[in-house]
Protein backbone atom coordinates (compact mmCIF):
# COMPACT_ATOMS: atom_id res chain seq x y z
CA UNK A 1 13.97 -3.96 33.60
CA UNK A 2 15.53 -3.40 36.95
CA UNK A 3 17.93 -0.44 37.65
CA UNK A 4 21.22 -2.52 37.38
CA UNK A 5 20.10 -3.83 33.94
CA UNK A 6 19.02 -0.42 32.76
CA UNK A 7 22.49 1.03 33.83
CA UNK A 8 24.25 -2.00 32.19
CA UNK A 9 22.24 -1.34 28.86
CA UNK A 10 22.89 2.22 28.94
CA UNK A 11 26.65 1.67 29.46
CA UNK A 12 26.85 -0.95 26.60
CA UNK A 13 24.88 1.25 24.22
CA UNK A 14 27.11 4.30 24.96
CA UNK A 15 30.22 2.21 24.42
CA UNK A 16 28.93 0.70 21.28
CA UNK A 17 27.89 4.00 19.64
CA UNK A 18 31.20 5.57 20.69
CA UNK A 19 33.06 2.73 19.04
CA UNK A 20 31.00 3.03 15.80
CA UNK A 21 32.88 6.38 15.31
CA UNK A 22 36.10 4.48 14.46
CA UNK A 23 34.85 1.06 13.68
CA UNK A 24 31.80 1.48 11.53
CA UNK A 25 29.55 -1.43 10.44
CA UNK A 26 26.51 -1.91 8.30
CA UNK A 27 22.92 -1.19 9.25
CA UNK A 28 22.22 -4.94 9.38
CA UNK A 29 25.22 -5.56 11.73
CA UNK A 30 24.07 -2.79 13.91
CA UNK A 31 20.55 -4.18 14.08
CA UNK A 32 21.77 -7.63 14.85
CA UNK A 33 24.08 -6.23 17.61
CA UNK A 34 21.18 -4.30 19.21
CA UNK A 35 18.99 -7.46 19.15
CA UNK A 36 21.77 -9.58 20.69
CA UNK A 37 22.24 -6.80 23.33
CA UNK A 38 18.55 -6.84 24.23
CA UNK A 39 18.56 -10.63 24.58
CA UNK A 40 21.77 -10.50 26.69
CA UNK A 41 20.13 -7.92 28.96
CA UNK A 42 17.18 -10.31 29.44
CA UNK A 43 19.47 -13.15 30.36
CA UNK A 44 21.01 -10.79 33.02
CA UNK A 45 24.17 -10.45 31.26
CA UNK A 46 25.08 -14.12 30.88
CA UNK A 47 28.77 -14.71 29.56
CA UNK A 48 27.39 -16.87 26.75
CA UNK A 49 23.88 -17.51 25.31
CA UNK A 50 22.31 -19.01 22.26
CA UNK A 51 20.08 -17.35 19.59
CA UNK A 52 18.91 -19.17 16.36
CA UNK A 53 19.26 -17.51 13.05
CA UNK A 54 15.60 -17.90 12.60
CA UNK A 55 14.96 -15.62 15.72
CA UNK A 56 17.40 -12.98 14.42
CA UNK A 57 15.86 -13.05 10.94
CA UNK A 58 12.36 -12.71 12.28
CA UNK A 59 13.24 -9.49 14.14
CA UNK A 60 14.70 -7.68 11.02
CA UNK A 61 12.37 -7.36 8.11
CA UNK A 62 13.81 -8.54 4.98
CA UNK A 63 16.94 -10.16 6.43
CA UNK A 64 17.72 -13.40 4.65
CA UNK A 65 20.32 -15.93 5.85
CA UNK A 66 23.21 -14.69 3.72
CA UNK A 67 22.67 -11.03 4.78
CA UNK A 68 22.52 -12.38 8.40
CA UNK A 69 25.90 -14.34 7.86
CA UNK A 70 27.47 -11.30 6.34
CA UNK A 71 26.38 -8.96 9.16
CA UNK A 72 27.43 -11.50 11.81
CA UNK A 73 30.78 -11.99 10.25
CA UNK A 74 31.19 -8.05 10.36
CA UNK A 75 30.32 -8.13 14.04
CA UNK A 76 32.91 -10.97 14.66
CA UNK A 77 35.61 -9.36 12.45
CA UNK A 78 35.32 -6.05 14.19
CA UNK A 79 35.42 -7.57 17.61
CA UNK A 80 31.78 -6.68 18.55
CA UNK A 81 30.70 -10.13 19.41
CA UNK A 82 32.29 -13.51 20.08
CA UNK A 83 30.48 -16.44 18.04
CA UNK A 84 30.48 -20.07 18.36
CA UNK A 85 28.73 -22.15 15.65
CA UNK A 86 26.71 -24.97 17.31
CA UNK A 87 26.92 -28.39 16.03
CA UNK A 88 24.20 -30.13 14.13
CA UNK A 89 23.38 -32.36 17.20
CA UNK A 90 22.61 -29.42 19.38
């Protein structure tokens, strides 16, 4: 990780944890957010990127599709992430 990405990651984490003080979310939602943040950092902070449910579920032990969907909706409803459902043809 280069210096710029390290600074961006530190800034994002600091803001995220500060926001949790007044916008708390579940442990699964926090885990998904951190995974997405790591992926975003690897893409060098693209505005938009794709991650499959399978990838997210493989990174959190015991996370099933319904728990993933609940956690993702929590992140969306609390304005932590923007989400676009992909079409079946993609």
